[in-house]
Amino acid sequence: MTDMNRLSATDLPEAKWRKSSYSDGGEQCVEIADTRPTRGFVAVRDSKDPNGPALAFTEAAFTAFLPHAAHDHFPTA
């Protein structure tokens, strides 16, 4: 079993990563993998570090997040 507190993208060999459809093709992208069939969560990683850390979201948490990400409801620094 994968330690969810120390999840790495390399812990998910079955993952099929894809960039967001909102990606502008630049370097600052996130990638997602639907690992619900095998792991029960949606994984997210930084496209610049494909072997680095990954975040795991339950389906409910990821679904709740999407409308905010799609409409840029996050403050900028």
Protein backbone atom coordinates (compact mmCIF):
# COMPACT_ATOMS: atom_id res chain seq x y z
CA MET A 1 0.00 0.00 0.00
CA THR A 2 1.24 3.49 -0.86
CA ASP A 3 1.92 5.91 1.99
CA MET A 4 -0.42 8.77 1.12
CA ASN A 5 1.66 11.20 3.21
CA ARG A 6 4.70 10.55 1.00
CA LEU A 7 3.23 9.92 -2.42
CA SER A 8 5.53 10.21 -5.42
CA ALA A 9 4.48 10.09 -9.05
CA THR A 10 6.81 7.10 -9.41
CA ASP A 11 4.59 5.21 -6.93
CA LEU A 12 1.89 5.20 -9.61
CA PRO A 13 3.28 3.17 -12.52
CA GLU A 14 -0.21 2.51 -13.87
CA ALA A 15 -1.05 6.23 -14.04
CA LYS A 16 -1.75 7.79 -17.43
CA TRP A 17 -0.87 11.43 -16.84
CA ARG A 18 -2.41 14.22 -18.90
CA LYS A 19 -2.15 18.00 -18.84
CA SER A 20 -5.11 20.15 -18.07
CA SER A 21 -7.18 21.29 -21.04
CA TYR A 22 -6.69 24.79 -19.61
CA SER A 23 -2.94 24.52 -20.04
CA ASP A 24 -1.50 27.13 -22.36
CA GLY A 25 1.24 24.74 -23.43
CA GLY A 26 3.79 26.53 -21.29
CA GLU A 27 6.00 25.22 -18.54
CA GLN A 28 3.67 25.96 -15.63
CA CYS A 29 1.23 23.08 -15.82
CA VAL A 30 -0.20 20.43 -13.62
CA GLU A 31 -0.99 16.94 -14.81
CA ILE A 32 -3.69 14.63 -13.52
CA ALA A 33 -4.13 10.89 -13.55
CA ASP A 34 -7.37 9.11 -12.79
CA THR A 35 -6.20 6.26 -10.59
CA ARG A 36 -9.65 5.63 -9.10
CA PRO A 37 -9.97 2.18 -10.67
CA THR A 38 -6.74 0.93 -9.07
CA ARG A 39 -6.06 3.30 -6.15
CA GLY A 40 -9.33 5.08 -5.44
CA PHE A 41 -8.12 8.65 -5.98
CA VAL A 42 -7.24 11.29 -8.55
CA ALA A 43 -3.53 12.12 -8.60
CA VAL A 44 -2.00 15.51 -9.43
CA ARG A 45 1.65 16.31 -10.16
CA ASP A 46 3.78 19.18 -11.43
CA SER A 47 4.57 18.69 -15.12
CA LYS A 48 8.08 20.10 -14.59
CA ASP A 49 8.88 17.32 -12.09
CA PRO A 50 7.27 14.14 -13.44
CA ASN A 51 9.13 11.90 -10.98
CA GLY A 52 8.52 14.17 -8.02
CA PRO A 53 5.77 14.36 -5.45
CA ALA A 54 2.11 13.85 -6.27
CA LEU A 55 -1.05 14.83 -4.47
CA ALA A 56 -3.96 12.44 -4.03
CA PHE A 57 -7.55 13.68 -3.99
CA THR A 58 -10.73 11.78 -3.33
CA GLU A 59 -13.23 12.01 -6.14
CA ALA A 60 -15.42 14.33 -4.04
CA ALA A 61 -12.53 16.67 -3.22
CA PHE A 62 -11.34 16.83 -6.83
CA THR A 63 -14.88 17.43 -8.11
CA ALA A 64 -15.34 20.26 -5.60
CA PHE A 65 -12.02 21.83 -6.69
CA LEU A 66 -12.63 21.83 -10.46
CA PRO A 67 -15.18 24.67 -10.78
CA HIS A 68 -12.85 27.00 -8.89
CA ALA A 69 -9.84 26.10 -10.99
CA ALA A 70 -11.77 26.41 -14.25
CA HIS A 71 -12.94 29.94 -13.38
CA ASP A 72 -9.67 31.15 -11.84
CA HIS A 73 -11.15 31.85 -8.41
CA PHE A 74 -7.75 31.86 -6.74
CA PRO A 75 -6.01 35.04 -5.61
CA THR A 76 -2.69 35.85 -7.22
CA ALA A 77 0.42 36.64 -5.23
